[in-house]
């Protein structure tokens, strides 16, 4: 994972990962194996291994600021708009999308007619 990101020019030591569950972070960062943690899903063992190898760094984020929820949960309109703004995305109306498509088409024709 680290080598792929380095290939794309993203040179950093640890991959920051947000998590809204303090128990998951504690299990991943603690080297002790508890009897209650034996039947935990395989993905947590993978993440724990990545934390131990210093590839991933886990950060706690309150549920209200968990940006991944927009992709994984059914949310109300206000919540979606809030998360879209935090992601730096914009919500376009169909008219705006048509205008952008027309501008892209004009640019394509211009570049086709007058190659650089």
C-alpha atoms as a PDB file:
ATOM      1  CA  UNK A   1       0.000   0.000   0.000  1.00  0.00           C
ATOM      2  CA  UNK A   2       2.801   2.394   0.955  1.00  0.00           C
ATOM      3  CA  UNK A   3       4.764   1.667  -2.240  1.00  0.00           C
ATOM      4  CA  UNK A   4       1.692   2.300  -4.410  1.00  0.00           C
ATOM      5  CA  UNK A   5       1.114   5.665  -2.759  1.00  0.00           C
ATOM      6  CA  UNK A   6       4.799   6.536  -3.111  1.00  0.00           C
ATOM      7  CA  UNK A   7       4.581   5.682  -6.828  1.00  0.00           C
ATOM      8  CA  UNK A   8       1.848   8.317  -7.140  1.00  0.00           C
ATOM      9  CA  UNK A   9       4.091  10.902  -5.495  1.00  0.00           C
ATOM     10  CA  UNK A  10       2.436  10.793  -2.093  1.00  0.00           C
ATOM     11  CA  UNK A  11       5.508  10.555   0.107  1.00  0.00           C
ATOM     12  CA  UNK A  12       4.510  10.144   3.725  1.00  0.00           C
ATOM     13  CA  UNK A  13       5.402   7.560   6.319  1.00  0.00           C
ATOM     14  CA  UNK A  14       1.996   6.582   7.683  1.00  0.00           C
ATOM     15  CA  UNK A  15      -1.420   6.489   6.091  1.00  0.00           C
ATOM     16  CA  UNK A  16      -3.868   8.461   8.273  1.00  0.00           C
ATOM     17  CA  UNK A  17      -7.081   6.527   8.835  1.00  0.00           C
ATOM     18  CA  UNK A  18     -10.185   7.863  10.597  1.00  0.00           C
ATOM     19  CA  UNK A  19     -12.175   5.616  12.916  1.00  0.00           C
ATOM     20  CA  UNK A  20     -15.264   6.420  14.991  1.00  0.00           C
ATOM     21  CA  UNK A  21     -14.882   3.489  17.390  1.00  0.00           C
ATOM     22  CA  UNK A  22     -12.461   3.904  20.296  1.00  0.00           C
ATOM     23  CA  UNK A  23     -12.591   0.184  21.088  1.00  0.00           C
ATOM     24  CA  UNK A  24     -11.398  -0.701  17.591  1.00  0.00           C
ATOM     25  CA  UNK A  25      -8.498   1.731  17.907  1.00  0.00           C
ATOM     26  CA  UNK A  26      -7.569   0.297  21.300  1.00  0.00           C
ATOM     27  CA  UNK A  27      -7.613  -3.276  19.953  1.00  0.00           C
ATOM     28  CA  UNK A  28      -5.511  -2.332  16.932  1.00  0.00           C
ATOM     29  CA  UNK A  29      -2.945  -0.357  18.938  1.00  0.00           C
ATOM     30  CA  UNK A  30      -2.629  -2.796  21.862  1.00  0.00           C
ATOM     31  CA  UNK A  31      -0.214  -5.693  21.389  1.00  0.00           C
ATOM     32  CA  UNK A  32      -1.981  -7.824  24.009  1.00  0.00           C
ATOM     33  CA  UNK A  33      -4.372 -10.511  22.745  1.00  0.00           C
ATOM     34  CA  UNK A  34      -7.471 -10.709  24.959  1.00  0.00           C
ATOM     35  CA  UNK A  35      -9.779 -13.697  25.226  1.00  0.00           C
ATOM     36  CA  UNK A  36     -12.691 -11.509  24.043  1.00  0.00           C
ATOM     37  CA  UNK A  37     -10.800 -10.464  20.918  1.00  0.00           C
ATOM     38  CA  UNK A  38     -10.183 -13.929  19.493  1.00  0.00           C
ATOM     39  CA  UNK A  39     -13.281 -13.959  17.290  1.00  0.00           C
ATOM     40  CA  UNK A  40     -12.865 -10.509  15.804  1.00  0.00           C
ATOM     41  CA  UNK A  41     -13.335 -10.048  12.070  1.00  0.00           C
ATOM     42  CA  UNK A  42     -10.256 -10.621   9.903  1.00  0.00           C
ATOM     43  CA  UNK A  43     -10.207  -6.989   8.709  1.00  0.00           C
ATOM     44  CA  UNK A  44      -9.319  -5.844  12.241  1.00  0.00           C
ATOM     45  CA  UNK A  45      -6.411  -8.283  12.387  1.00  0.00           C
ATOM     46  CA  UNK A  46      -5.185  -6.852   9.062  1.00  0.00           C
ATOM     47  CA  UNK A  47      -5.477  -3.281  10.355  1.00  0.00           C
ATOM     48  CA  UNK A  48      -3.747  -4.250  13.609  1.00  0.00           C
ATOM     49  CA  UNK A  49      -0.873  -5.706  11.595  1.00  0.00           C
ATOM     50  CA  UNK A  50      -0.617  -2.509   9.525  1.00  0.00           C
ATOM     51  CA  UNK A  51      -0.565  -0.384  12.704  1.00  0.00           C
ATOM     52  CA  UNK A  52       2.182  -2.584  14.174  1.00  0.00           C
ATOM     53  CA  UNK A  53       4.201  -2.264  10.942  1.00  0.00           C
ATOM     54  CA  UNK A  54       3.732   1.530  11.097  1.00  0.00           C
ATOM     55  CA  UNK A  55       1.982   1.686   7.736  1.00  0.00           C
ATOM     56  CA  UNK A  56      -1.347   3.000   9.095  1.00  0.00           C
ATOM     57  CA  UNK A  57      -2.028   5.490  11.866  1.00  0.00           C
ATOM     58  CA  UNK A  58      -5.516   5.495  13.400  1.00  0.00           C
ATOM     59  CA  UNK A  59      -7.263   8.688  14.483  1.00  0.00           C
ATOM     60  CA  UNK A  60     -10.503   8.981  16.412  1.00  0.00           C
ATOM     61  CA  UNK A  61     -13.226  10.988  14.671  1.00  0.00           C
ATOM     62  CA  UNK A  62     -16.671  11.598  16.145  1.00  0.00           C
ATOM     63  CA  UNK A  63     -19.466   9.869  14.266  1.00  0.00           C
ATOM     64  CA  UNK A  64     -20.916  13.205  13.131  1.00  0.00           C
ATOM     65  CA  UNK A  65     -17.670  13.958  11.247  1.00  0.00           C
ATOM     66  CA  UNK A  66     -17.130  10.473   9.788  1.00  0.00           C
ATOM     67  CA  UNK A  67     -16.871  11.289   6.093  1.00  0.00           C
ATOM     68  CA  UNK A  68     -17.128   7.653   4.986  1.00  0.00           C
ATOM     69  CA  UNK A  69     -20.775   7.589   6.134  1.00  0.00           C
ATOM     70  CA  UNK A  70     -21.813   9.369   2.936  1.00  0.00           C
ATOM     71  CA  UNK A  71     -20.682   6.293   0.972  1.00  0.00           C
ATOM     72  CA  UNK A  72     -21.865   3.589   3.375  1.00  0.00           C
ATOM     73  CA  UNK A  73     -25.127   4.719   5.000  1.00  0.00           C
ATOM     74  CA  UNK A  74     -28.553   6.026   4.104  1.00  0.00           C
ATOM     75  CA  UNK A  75     -28.561   9.608   5.394  1.00  0.00           C
ATOM     76  CA  UNK A  76     -30.977  12.512   5.475  1.00  0.00           C
ATOM     77  CA  UNK A  77     -30.530  15.367   2.991  1.00  0.00           C
ATOM     78  CA  UNK A  78     -29.071  17.786   5.582  1.00  0.00           C
ATOM     79  CA  UNK A  79     -26.476  15.212   6.665  1.00  0.00           C
ATOM     80  CA  UNK A  80     -25.484  14.499   3.053  1.00  0.00           C
ATOM     81  CA  UNK A  81     -25.084  18.207   2.296  1.00  0.00           C
ATOM     82  CA  UNK A  82     -22.983  18.675   5.448  1.00  0.00           C
ATOM     83  CA  UNK A  83     -20.651  15.789   4.553  1.00  0.00           C
ATOM     84  CA  UNK A  84     -20.409  16.904   0.922  1.00  0.00           C
ATOM     85  CA  UNK A  85     -19.210  20.316   2.081  1.00  0.00           C
ATOM     86  CA  UNK A  86     -16.628  18.704   4.415  1.00  0.00           C
ATOM     87  CA  UNK A  87     -15.323  16.544   1.558  1.00  0.00           C
ATOM     88  CA  UNK A  88     -14.872  19.636  -0.590  1.00  0.00           C
ATOM     89  CA  UNK A  89     -17.376  18.343  -3.114  1.00  0.00           C
ATOM     90  CA  UNK A  90     -20.128  20.285  -4.805  1.00  0.00           C
ATOM     91  CA  UNK A  91     -23.678  19.243  -5.515  1.00  0.00           C
ATOM     92  CA  UNK A  92     -24.744  20.155  -9.052  1.00  0.00           C
ATOM     93  CA  UNK A  93     -28.224  20.674 -10.430  1.00  0.00           C
ATOM     94  CA  UNK A  94     -29.043  18.955 -13.745  1.00  0.00           C
ATOM     95  CA  UNK A  95     -28.839  22.345 -15.491  1.00  0.00           C
ATOM     96  CA  UNK A  96     -25.324  22.974 -14.168  1.00  0.00           C
ATOM     97  CA  UNK A  97     -24.223  19.492 -15.239  1.00  0.00           C
ATOM     98  CA  UNK A  98     -25.546  20.107 -18.758  1.00  0.00           C
ATOM     99  CA  UNK A  99     -23.712  23.452 -18.932  1.00  0.00           C
ATOM    100  CA  UNK A 100     -20.440  21.820 -17.809  1.00  0.00           C
ATOM    101  CA  UNK A 101     -20.880  19.031 -20.364  1.00  0.00           C
ATOM    102  CA  UNK A 102     -21.453  21.594 -23.126  1.00  0.00           C
ATOM    103  CA  UNK A 103     -18.311  23.513 -22.103  1.00  0.00           C
ATOM    104  CA  UNK A 104     -16.285  20.299 -22.123  1.00  0.00           C
ATOM    105  CA  UNK A 105     -17.628  19.447 -25.585  1.00  0.00           C
ATOM    106  CA  UNK A 106     -16.657  22.921 -26.907  1.00  0.00           C
ATOM    107  CA  UNK A 107     -13.161  22.544 -25.443  1.00  0.00           C
ATOM    108  CA  UNK A 108     -12.784  19.096 -27.005  1.00  0.00           C
ATOM    109  CA  UNK A 109     -13.781  20.413 -30.434  1.00  0.00           C
ATOM    110  CA  UNK A 110     -11.391  23.349 -30.073  1.00  0.00           C
ATOM    111  CA  UNK A 111      -8.496  21.035 -29.176  1.00  0.00           C
ATOM    112  CA  UNK A 112      -9.432  18.682 -32.008  1.00  0.00           C
ATOM    113  CA  UNK A 113      -9.519  21.561 -34.516  1.00  0.00           C
ATOM    114  CA  UNK A 114      -6.362  23.291 -33.224  1.00  0.00           C
ATOM    115  CA  UNK A 115      -4.059  20.609 -31.777  1.00  0.00           C
ATOM    116  CA  UNK A 116      -1.358  21.755 -29.399  1.00  0.00           C
END
